Amino acid sequence: MHDDSAEDLAPLSKTKQKEAMHALRDLGAELVELSAGQLKRIDLPEDLLAAVRDCQKITAHGARRRQLQYIGKLMRGVDEEPIRAGLALLRGESAAETARLHRLERMRERLLGDESVLADIAATWPAADLQHLRQLRRNALKEQATGKPPKNFRAIFQALQELDREGHGHAAE
């Protein structure tokens, strides 16, 4: 009788252990490249967060490499899946996040096409500043007509994103 659990109990080869350590160090290096705001969105243990912030301040190559190795060592004691999920969310790789962004883009397009969409926005997000959104819409339409850079077009999306984050609402289609 063959027992598959014996394979699970067998120690990893030295090569596999090194590959796993390098993967954790690389994950730590990704964390170092994030901004302070992005780091706040990922739930990191205090010691790991402090090490990442320290590494962001280090400019000497050798010291930075040693700090990255230290971060990799700290990562061995942490569950990496929530960190990977947080990074994927920040990169927009999450299917739910992508769907949310597409929903907000459609809402913006509908708003630019028809001002009555403001009623849907008010129903979805009661705290929405409709006067501000109306002003952004007018300015965005002027920008499109004159061929100027889409500053207000982007500002509408950012405002909708902020409303969605605060209200966790689901925009009506």
N, C-alpha and C. Protein backbone atom coordinates (compact mmCIF):
# COMPACT_ATOMS: atom_id res chain seq x y z
N MET A 1 0.84 -1.17 0.00
CA MET A 1 0.00 0.00 0.00
C MET A 1 0.89 1.25 0.00
N HIS A 2 0.63 2.16 -0.91
CA HIS A 2 1.44 3.36 -1.07
C HIS A 2 0.80 4.51 -0.29
N ASP A 3 1.61 5.22 0.48
CA ASP A 3 1.09 6.30 1.31
C ASP A 3 1.59 7.64 0.77
N ASP A 4 0.67 8.48 0.26
CA ASP A 4 1.04 9.78 -0.30
C ASP A 4 1.48 10.78 0.77
N SER A 5 1.06 10.57 2.00
CA SER A 5 1.41 11.52 3.05
C SER A 5 2.89 11.46 3.40
N ALA A 6 3.58 10.39 3.02
CA ALA A 6 5.01 10.30 3.27
C ALA A 6 5.76 11.35 2.46
N GLU A 7 5.25 11.65 1.26
CA GLU A 7 5.86 12.70 0.45
C GLU A 7 5.69 14.07 1.09
N ASP A 8 4.55 14.29 1.73
CA ASP A 8 4.28 15.57 2.39
C ASP A 8 5.20 15.77 3.58
N LEU A 9 5.58 14.70 4.25
CA LEU A 9 6.42 14.79 5.43
C LEU A 9 7.90 14.88 5.09
N ALA A 10 8.27 14.52 3.86
CA ALA A 10 9.67 14.55 3.46
C ALA A 10 10.16 16.00 3.43
N PRO A 11 11.38 16.24 3.91
CA PRO A 11 11.89 17.62 3.90
C PRO A 11 12.13 18.09 2.47
N LEU A 12 11.97 19.39 2.27
CA LEU A 12 12.23 19.96 0.95
C LEU A 12 13.71 19.88 0.65
N SER A 13 14.02 19.72 -0.62
CA SER A 13 15.42 19.71 -1.00
C SER A 13 16.00 21.10 -0.77
N LYS A 14 17.31 21.17 -0.71
CA LYS A 14 17.96 22.45 -0.47
C LYS A 14 17.64 23.44 -1.59
N THR A 15 17.54 22.94 -2.79
CA THR A 15 17.21 23.79 -3.94
C THR A 15 15.82 24.38 -3.78
N LYS A 16 14.86 23.54 -3.40
CA LYS A 16 13.48 24.01 -3.22
C LYS A 16 13.39 25.02 -2.08
N GLN A 17 14.16 24.78 -1.01
CA GLN A 17 14.17 25.73 0.11
C GLN A 17 14.70 27.08 -0.35
N LYS A 18 15.78 27.07 -1.14
CA LYS A 18 16.36 28.32 -1.63
C LYS A 18 15.39 29.03 -2.56
N GLU A 19 14.71 28.28 -3.43
CA GLU A 19 13.74 28.88 -4.33
C GLU A 19 12.63 29.56 -3.54
N ALA A 20 12.17 28.90 -2.48
CA ALA A 20 11.11 29.47 -1.65
C ALA A 20 11.60 30.73 -0.95
N MET A 21 12.83 30.73 -0.46
CA MET A 21 13.39 31.90 0.21
C MET A 21 13.56 33.07 -0.77
N HIS A 22 14.01 32.75 -1.99
CA HIS A 22 14.18 33.80 -3.01
C HIS A 22 12.82 34.39 -3.40
N ALA A 23 11.81 33.54 -3.48
CA ALA A 23 10.47 34.03 -3.82
C ALA A 23 9.96 34.98 -2.73
N LEU A 24 10.21 34.63 -1.47
CA LEU A 24 9.79 35.51 -0.37
C LEU A 24 10.58 36.82 -0.38
N ARG A 25 11.86 36.74 -0.68
CA ARG A 25 12.67 37.96 -0.76
C ARG A 25 12.18 38.85 -1.89
N ASP A 26 11.83 38.24 -3.03
CA ASP A 26 11.30 39.01 -4.16
C ASP A 26 9.96 39.65 -3.82
N LEU A 27 9.14 38.93 -3.06
CA LEU A 27 7.87 39.48 -2.61
C LEU A 27 8.13 40.68 -1.69
N GLY A 28 9.12 40.54 -0.81
CA GLY A 28 9.51 41.65 0.06
C GLY A 28 10.01 42.84 -0.75
N ALA A 29 10.76 42.57 -1.82
CA ALA A 29 11.26 43.65 -2.68
C ALA A 29 10.10 44.39 -3.35
N GLU A 30 9.04 43.66 -3.70
CA GLU A 30 7.85 44.32 -4.27
C GLU A 30 7.22 45.25 -3.25
N LEU A 31 7.21 44.82 -1.99
CA LEU A 31 6.65 45.66 -0.92
C LEU A 31 7.45 46.95 -0.76
N VAL A 32 8.77 46.84 -0.91
CA VAL A 32 9.65 48.01 -0.75
C VAL A 32 9.36 49.05 -1.82
N GLU A 33 8.93 48.62 -2.99
CA GLU A 33 8.67 49.55 -4.10
C GLU A 33 7.34 50.29 -3.96
N LEU A 34 6.50 49.90 -3.00
CA LEU A 34 5.19 50.52 -2.83
C LEU A 34 5.31 51.86 -2.11
N SER A 35 4.34 52.71 -2.33
CA SER A 35 4.29 53.99 -1.60
C SER A 35 3.72 53.75 -0.20
N ALA A 36 3.82 54.75 0.65
CA ALA A 36 3.32 54.62 2.03
C ALA A 36 1.82 54.36 2.03
N GLY A 37 1.09 55.02 1.15
CA GLY A 37 -0.36 54.81 1.06
C GLY A 37 -0.72 53.40 0.63
N GLN A 38 0.04 52.87 -0.31
CA GLN A 38 -0.22 51.51 -0.78
C GLN A 38 0.11 50.50 0.32
N LEU A 39 1.17 50.75 1.07
CA LEU A 39 1.54 49.84 2.15
C LEU A 39 0.46 49.77 3.22
N LYS A 40 -0.22 50.90 3.46
CA LYS A 40 -1.28 50.92 4.46
C LYS A 40 -2.44 50.02 4.06
N ARG A 41 -2.63 49.85 2.76
CA ARG A 41 -3.75 49.03 2.27
C ARG A 41 -3.49 47.54 2.41
N ILE A 42 -2.24 47.16 2.67
CA ILE A 42 -1.90 45.75 2.85
C ILE A 42 -1.66 45.52 4.33
N ASP A 43 -2.29 44.51 4.87
CA ASP A 43 -2.17 44.23 6.30
C ASP A 43 -0.86 43.49 6.55
N LEU A 44 0.14 44.24 7.05
CA LEU A 44 1.46 43.67 7.33
C LEU A 44 1.73 43.67 8.83
N PRO A 45 2.44 42.66 9.33
CA PRO A 45 2.86 42.69 10.74
C PRO A 45 3.77 43.90 10.98
N GLU A 46 3.76 44.40 12.21
CA GLU A 46 4.51 45.61 12.55
C GLU A 46 6.00 45.50 12.21
N ASP A 47 6.63 44.36 12.58
CA ASP A 47 8.07 44.23 12.35
C ASP A 47 8.40 44.22 10.86
N LEU A 48 7.57 43.58 10.07
CA LEU A 48 7.79 43.55 8.63
C LEU A 48 7.57 44.94 8.02
N LEU A 49 6.54 45.62 8.45
CA LEU A 49 6.27 46.98 7.95
C LEU A 49 7.42 47.92 8.29
N ALA A 50 7.96 47.80 9.51
CA ALA A 50 9.09 48.65 9.92
C ALA A 50 10.32 48.34 9.06
N ALA A 51 10.57 47.05 8.79
CA ALA A 51 11.71 46.66 7.97
C ALA A 51 11.56 47.18 6.54
N VAL A 52 10.35 47.13 6.01
CA VAL A 52 10.10 47.63 4.65
C VAL A 52 10.33 49.14 4.59
N ARG A 53 9.81 49.84 5.59
CA ARG A 53 10.00 51.31 5.61
C ARG A 53 11.48 51.67 5.76
N ASP A 54 12.21 50.89 6.58
CA ASP A 54 13.65 51.13 6.72
C ASP A 54 14.36 50.93 5.39
N CYS A 55 13.99 49.88 4.68
CA CYS A 55 14.63 49.57 3.41
C CYS A 55 14.37 50.67 2.39
N GLN A 56 13.20 51.29 2.44
CA GLN A 56 12.87 52.37 1.50
C GLN A 56 13.79 53.57 1.70
N LYS A 57 14.32 53.73 2.91
CA LYS A 57 15.19 54.86 3.21
C LYS A 57 16.65 54.60 2.85
N ILE A 58 17.02 53.32 2.69
CA ILE A 58 18.42 52.94 2.46
C ILE A 58 18.78 53.15 1.00
N THR A 59 19.90 53.83 0.76
CA THR A 59 20.35 54.05 -0.61
C THR A 59 21.63 53.28 -0.94
N ALA A 60 22.43 52.93 0.07
CA ALA A 60 23.67 52.18 -0.17
C ALA A 60 23.31 50.78 -0.66
N HIS A 61 23.92 50.38 -1.78
CA HIS A 61 23.55 49.12 -2.43
C HIS A 61 23.70 47.90 -1.50
N GLY A 62 24.85 47.78 -0.85
CA GLY A 62 25.08 46.62 0.01
C GLY A 62 24.12 46.58 1.18
N ALA A 63 23.88 47.73 1.79
CA ALA A 63 22.98 47.78 2.94
C ALA A 63 21.55 47.46 2.50
N ARG A 64 21.17 47.94 1.33
CA ARG A 64 19.82 47.66 0.82
C ARG A 64 19.65 46.16 0.55
N ARG A 65 20.68 45.53 -0.01
CA ARG A 65 20.62 44.10 -0.28
C ARG A 65 20.47 43.31 1.03
N ARG A 66 21.24 43.69 2.05
CA ARG A 66 21.14 43.01 3.35
C ARG A 66 19.76 43.22 3.97
N GLN A 67 19.22 44.43 3.83
CA GLN A 67 17.88 44.70 4.38
C GLN A 67 16.83 43.87 3.65
N LEU A 68 16.98 43.71 2.33
CA LEU A 68 16.04 42.88 1.58
C LEU A 68 16.13 41.42 2.03
N GLN A 69 17.35 40.96 2.33
CA GLN A 69 17.49 39.60 2.85
C GLN A 69 16.80 39.47 4.21
N TYR A 70 16.93 40.50 5.03
CA TYR A 70 16.27 40.49 6.34
C TYR A 70 14.75 40.46 6.17
N ILE A 71 14.24 41.23 5.22
CA ILE A 71 12.80 41.23 4.94
C ILE A 71 12.37 39.82 4.51
N GLY A 72 13.18 39.19 3.66
CA GLY A 72 12.89 37.82 3.24
C GLY A 72 12.84 36.87 4.43
N LYS A 73 13.73 37.06 5.38
CA LYS A 73 13.75 36.23 6.58
C LYS A 73 12.48 36.45 7.40
N LEU A 74 12.07 37.70 7.54
CA LEU A 74 10.83 38.00 8.27
C LEU A 74 9.61 37.41 7.55
N MET A 75 9.68 37.41 6.23
CA MET A 75 8.55 36.89 5.44
C MET A 75 8.33 35.40 5.67
N ARG A 76 9.39 34.68 6.07
CA ARG A 76 9.24 33.24 6.30
C ARG A 76 8.27 32.94 7.43
N GLY A 77 8.13 33.87 8.37
CA GLY A 77 7.23 33.64 9.51
C GLY A 77 5.85 34.24 9.32
N VAL A 78 5.55 34.70 8.11
CA VAL A 78 4.28 35.37 7.83
C VAL A 78 3.53 34.59 6.77
N ASP A 79 2.20 34.57 6.87
CA ASP A 79 1.39 33.97 5.81
C ASP A 79 1.45 34.89 4.60
N GLU A 80 1.99 34.40 3.50
CA GLU A 80 2.23 35.25 2.33
C GLU A 80 1.00 35.45 1.46
N GLU A 81 0.00 34.61 1.57
CA GLU A 81 -1.15 34.71 0.67
C GLU A 81 -1.92 36.03 0.81
N PRO A 82 -2.20 36.52 2.04
CA PRO A 82 -2.87 37.82 2.12
C PRO A 82 -2.03 38.95 1.53
N ILE A 83 -0.70 38.84 1.65
CA ILE A 83 0.18 39.87 1.08
C ILE A 83 0.12 39.81 -0.44
N ARG A 84 0.18 38.60 -0.99
CA ARG A 84 0.09 38.44 -2.45
C ARG A 84 -1.26 38.95 -2.96
N ALA A 85 -2.33 38.65 -2.21
CA ALA A 85 -3.67 39.11 -2.62
C ALA A 85 -3.74 40.64 -2.58
N GLY A 86 -3.14 41.25 -1.55
CA GLY A 86 -3.12 42.70 -1.45
C GLY A 86 -2.35 43.34 -2.58
N LEU A 87 -1.21 42.74 -2.95
CA LEU A 87 -0.42 43.25 -4.07
C LEU A 87 -1.20 43.12 -5.38
N ALA A 88 -1.88 41.99 -5.55
CA ALA A 88 -2.67 41.79 -6.77
C ALA A 88 -3.79 42.83 -6.84
N LEU A 89 -4.38 43.14 -5.71
CA LEU A 89 -5.43 44.14 -5.66
C LEU A 89 -4.88 45.51 -6.05
N LEU A 90 -3.70 45.84 -5.54
CA LEU A 90 -3.08 47.13 -5.87
C LEU A 90 -2.72 47.22 -7.34
N ARG A 91 -2.31 46.10 -7.92
CA ARG A 91 -1.93 46.08 -9.34
C ARG A 91 -3.16 46.01 -10.24
N GLY A 92 -4.33 45.81 -9.62
CA GLY A 92 -5.55 45.70 -10.41
C GLY A 92 -5.72 44.33 -11.02
N GLU A 93 -5.01 43.32 -10.49
CA GLU A 93 -5.11 41.97 -11.05
C GLU A 93 -6.31 41.22 -10.51
N SER A 94 -6.90 41.70 -9.45
CA SER A 94 -8.05 41.03 -8.86
C SER A 94 -9.24 41.18 -9.80
N ALA A 95 -9.93 40.11 -10.05
CA ALA A 95 -11.08 40.15 -10.94
C ALA A 95 -12.16 41.07 -10.37
N ALA A 96 -12.37 41.03 -9.07
CA ALA A 96 -13.38 41.88 -8.44
C ALA A 96 -12.99 43.35 -8.57
N GLU A 97 -11.72 43.66 -8.37
CA GLU A 97 -11.25 45.04 -8.49
C GLU A 97 -11.39 45.53 -9.93
N THR A 98 -11.04 44.67 -10.88
CA THR A 98 -11.17 45.03 -12.29
C THR A 98 -12.63 45.29 -12.64
N ALA A 99 -13.53 44.45 -12.16
CA ALA A 99 -14.95 44.63 -12.43
C ALA A 99 -15.45 45.93 -11.81
N ARG A 100 -14.98 46.25 -10.60
CA ARG A 100 -15.38 47.49 -9.93
C ARG A 100 -14.93 48.70 -10.74
N LEU A 101 -13.68 48.67 -11.24
CA LEU A 101 -13.17 49.78 -12.02
C LEU A 101 -13.94 49.95 -13.33
N HIS A 102 -14.28 48.83 -13.98
CA HIS A 102 -15.06 48.91 -15.21
C HIS A 102 -16.45 49.48 -14.94
N ARG A 103 -17.04 49.08 -13.82
CA ARG A 103 -18.36 49.58 -13.44
C ARG A 103 -18.31 51.10 -13.25
N LEU A 104 -17.25 51.58 -12.58
CA LEU A 104 -17.10 53.02 -12.36
C LEU A 104 -16.83 53.76 -13.67
N GLU A 105 -16.08 53.14 -14.58
CA GLU A 105 -15.84 53.76 -15.89
C GLU A 105 -17.15 53.90 -16.68
N ARG A 106 -17.99 52.85 -16.62
CA ARG A 106 -19.28 52.92 -17.31
C ARG A 106 -20.16 54.02 -16.69
N MET A 107 -20.10 54.14 -15.36
CA MET A 107 -20.87 55.18 -14.68
C MET A 107 -20.40 56.56 -15.15
N ARG A 108 -19.09 56.74 -15.27
CA ARG A 108 -18.55 58.03 -15.73
C ARG A 108 -19.03 58.32 -17.16
N GLU A 109 -18.96 57.33 -18.04
CA GLU A 109 -19.40 57.53 -19.43
C GLU A 109 -20.88 57.88 -19.48
N ARG A 110 -21.68 57.20 -18.67
CA ARG A 110 -23.12 57.50 -18.63
C ARG A 110 -23.35 58.92 -18.12
N LEU A 111 -22.58 59.34 -17.12
CA LEU A 111 -22.71 60.69 -16.56
C LEU A 111 -22.37 61.74 -17.62
N LEU A 112 -21.31 61.51 -18.38
CA LEU A 112 -20.94 62.46 -19.42
C LEU A 112 -22.00 62.53 -20.51
N GLY A 113 -22.67 61.43 -20.76
CA GLY A 113 -23.70 61.39 -21.80
C GLY A 113 -25.02 61.99 -21.35
N ASP A 114 -25.32 61.89 -20.04
CA ASP A 114 -26.63 62.32 -19.57
C ASP A 114 -26.53 62.77 -18.11
N GLU A 115 -26.89 64.03 -17.86
CA GLU A 115 -26.78 64.58 -16.51
C GLU A 115 -27.77 63.94 -15.53
N SER A 116 -28.82 63.31 -16.03
CA SER A 116 -29.80 62.69 -15.15
C SER A 116 -29.22 61.48 -14.40
N VAL A 117 -28.05 61.02 -14.81
CA VAL A 117 -27.37 59.92 -14.12
C VAL A 117 -27.00 60.35 -12.70
N LEU A 118 -26.94 61.66 -12.46
CA LEU A 118 -26.65 62.15 -11.11
C LEU A 118 -27.68 61.63 -10.11
N ALA A 119 -28.90 61.41 -10.55
CA ALA A 119 -29.94 60.85 -9.66
C ALA A 119 -29.56 59.43 -9.24
N ASP A 120 -29.04 58.64 -10.19
CA ASP A 120 -28.58 57.28 -9.86
C ASP A 120 -27.43 57.33 -8.87
N ILE A 121 -26.52 58.28 -9.09
CA ILE A 121 -25.37 58.42 -8.20
C ILE A 121 -25.85 58.79 -6.81
N ALA A 122 -26.80 59.71 -6.72
CA ALA A 122 -27.34 60.12 -5.42
C ALA A 122 -28.03 58.95 -4.72
N ALA A 123 -28.71 58.10 -5.50
CA ALA A 123 -29.38 56.95 -4.90
C ALA A 123 -28.37 55.92 -4.41
N THR A 124 -27.29 55.74 -5.17
CA THR A 124 -26.27 54.76 -4.81
C THR A 124 -25.41 55.26 -3.65
N TRP A 125 -25.01 56.51 -3.73
CA TRP A 125 -24.14 57.11 -2.70
C TRP A 125 -24.81 58.38 -2.19
N PRO A 126 -25.61 58.29 -1.13
CA PRO A 126 -26.33 59.46 -0.62
C PRO A 126 -25.40 60.62 -0.19
N ALA A 127 -24.17 60.32 0.16
CA ALA A 127 -23.25 61.36 0.61
C ALA A 127 -22.54 62.07 -0.55
N ALA A 128 -22.89 61.74 -1.77
CA ALA A 128 -22.21 62.31 -2.94
C ALA A 128 -22.46 63.81 -3.03
N ASP A 129 -21.42 64.55 -3.40
CA ASP A 129 -21.52 65.99 -3.64
C ASP A 129 -21.92 66.18 -5.11
N LEU A 130 -23.21 66.26 -5.33
CA LEU A 130 -23.73 66.32 -6.70
C LEU A 130 -23.34 67.61 -7.42
N GLN A 131 -23.27 68.69 -6.67
CA GLN A 131 -22.88 69.96 -7.28
C GLN A 131 -21.45 69.87 -7.82
N HIS A 132 -20.56 69.26 -7.04
CA HIS A 132 -19.17 69.09 -7.48
C HIS A 132 -19.10 68.19 -8.72
N LEU A 133 -19.85 67.09 -8.71
CA LEU A 133 -19.86 66.18 -9.86
C LEU A 133 -20.43 66.89 -11.10
N ARG A 134 -21.47 67.70 -10.90
CA ARG A 134 -22.07 68.44 -12.02
C ARG A 134 -21.04 69.40 -12.63
N GLN A 135 -20.28 70.07 -11.75
CA GLN A 135 -19.24 71.00 -12.22
C GLN A 135 -18.14 70.25 -12.98
N LEU A 136 -17.71 69.10 -12.43
CA LEU A 136 -16.69 68.28 -13.11
C LEU A 136 -17.19 67.84 -14.48
N ARG A 137 -18.47 67.46 -14.54
CA ARG A 137 -19.05 67.02 -15.81
C ARG A 137 -19.01 68.15 -16.84
N ARG A 138 -19.45 69.35 -16.42
CA ARG A 138 -19.44 70.50 -17.34
C ARG A 138 -18.02 70.78 -17.84
N ASN A 139 -17.07 70.78 -16.91
CA ASN A 139 -15.68 71.06 -17.29
C ASN A 139 -15.12 69.97 -18.20
N ALA A 140 -15.46 68.71 -17.92
CA ALA A 140 -14.97 67.61 -18.76
C ALA A 140 -15.53 67.72 -20.18
N LEU A 141 -16.80 68.10 -20.30
CA LEU A 141 -17.39 68.26 -21.63
C LEU A 141 -16.73 69.42 -22.39
N LYS A 142 -16.40 70.50 -21.66
CA LYS A 142 -15.69 71.62 -22.29
C LYS A 142 -14.31 71.18 -22.75
N GLU A 143 -13.63 70.39 -21.91
CA GLU A 143 -12.30 69.88 -22.28
C GLU A 143 -12.36 69.05 -23.56
N GLN A 144 -13.38 68.18 -23.64
CA GLN A 144 -13.51 67.34 -24.82
C GLN A 144 -13.78 68.20 -26.06
N ALA A 145 -14.61 69.20 -25.90
CA ALA A 145 -14.97 70.05 -27.04
C ALA A 145 -13.78 70.87 -27.55
N THR A 146 -12.93 71.31 -26.62
CA THR A 146 -11.79 72.15 -27.01
C THR A 146 -10.51 71.35 -27.23
N GLY A 147 -10.55 70.05 -26.99
CA GLY A 147 -9.37 69.21 -27.20
C GLY A 147 -8.29 69.38 -26.15
N LYS A 148 -8.68 69.84 -24.97
CA LYS A 148 -7.71 70.00 -23.88
C LYS A 148 -7.46 68.66 -23.20
N PRO A 149 -6.39 68.57 -22.39
CA PRO A 149 -6.12 67.34 -21.64
C PRO A 149 -7.31 66.99 -20.72
N PRO A 150 -7.58 65.71 -20.53
CA PRO A 150 -8.78 65.27 -19.80
C PRO A 150 -8.64 65.33 -18.27
N LYS A 151 -8.30 66.48 -17.73
CA LYS A 151 -8.11 66.63 -16.29
C LYS A 151 -9.41 66.36 -15.52
N ASN A 152 -10.50 66.99 -15.90
CA ASN A 152 -11.77 66.82 -15.21
C ASN A 152 -12.40 65.46 -15.50
N PHE A 153 -12.14 64.91 -16.68
CA PHE A 153 -12.58 63.57 -17.02
C PHE A 153 -12.02 62.57 -16.02
N ARG A 154 -10.73 62.73 -15.71
CA ARG A 154 -10.08 61.86 -14.71
C ARG A 154 -10.59 62.17 -13.31
N ALA A 155 -10.85 63.43 -13.03
CA ALA A 155 -11.32 63.83 -11.70
C ALA A 155 -12.70 63.21 -11.40
N ILE A 156 -13.54 63.07 -12.42
CA ILE A 156 -14.84 62.42 -12.23
C ILE A 156 -14.63 60.99 -11.78
N PHE A 157 -13.72 60.29 -12.46
CA PHE A 157 -13.46 58.90 -12.10
C PHE A 157 -12.92 58.80 -10.68
N GLN A 158 -12.00 59.69 -10.32
CA GLN A 158 -11.44 59.68 -8.96
C GLN A 158 -12.52 59.95 -7.93
N ALA A 159 -13.43 60.86 -8.22
CA ALA A 159 -14.52 61.17 -7.29
C ALA A 159 -15.43 59.95 -7.13
N LEU A 160 -15.75 59.28 -8.24
CA LEU A 160 -16.59 58.09 -8.16
C LEU A 160 -15.88 56.97 -7.39
N GLN A 161 -14.57 56.86 -7.60
CA GLN A 161 -13.80 55.84 -6.89
C GLN A 161 -13.82 56.11 -5.39
N GLU A 162 -13.67 57.35 -5.01
CA GLU A 162 -13.68 57.72 -3.59
C GLU A 162 -15.05 57.44 -2.98
N LEU A 163 -16.10 57.78 -3.70
CA LEU A 163 -17.45 57.49 -3.22
C LEU A 163 -17.66 55.99 -3.03
N ASP A 164 -17.18 55.21 -3.99
CA ASP A 164 -17.34 53.76 -3.93
C ASP A 164 -16.56 53.18 -2.75
N ARG A 165 -15.36 53.71 -2.51
CA ARG A 165 -14.55 53.23 -1.38
C ARG A 165 -15.24 53.54 -0.04
N GLU A 166 -15.77 54.76 0.07
CA GLU A 166 -16.39 55.18 1.31
C GLU A 166 -17.74 54.50 1.53
N GLY A 167 -18.54 54.41 0.46
CA GLY A 167 -19.89 53.90 0.61
C GLY A 167 -20.05 52.43 0.35
N HIS A 168 -19.04 51.82 -0.29
CA HIS A 168 -19.10 50.40 -0.65
C HIS A 168 -20.40 50.08 -1.38
N GLY A 169 -20.88 51.06 -2.13
CA GLY A 169 -22.12 50.85 -2.88
C GLY A 169 -21.86 50.12 -4.18
N HIS A 170 -22.91 49.73 -4.83
CA HIS A 170 -22.79 49.09 -6.15
C HIS A 170 -23.53 49.97 -7.13
N ALA A 171 -22.80 50.57 -8.01
CA ALA A 171 -23.38 51.52 -8.96
C ALA A 171 -24.42 50.82 -9.82
N ALA A 172 -25.52 51.49 -10.01
CA ALA A 172 -26.57 50.95 -10.88
C ALA A 172 -26.10 51.04 -12.33
N GLU A 173 -26.43 50.05 -13.09
CA GLU A 173 -26.02 50.02 -14.49
C GLU A 173 -27.01 50.72 -15.37
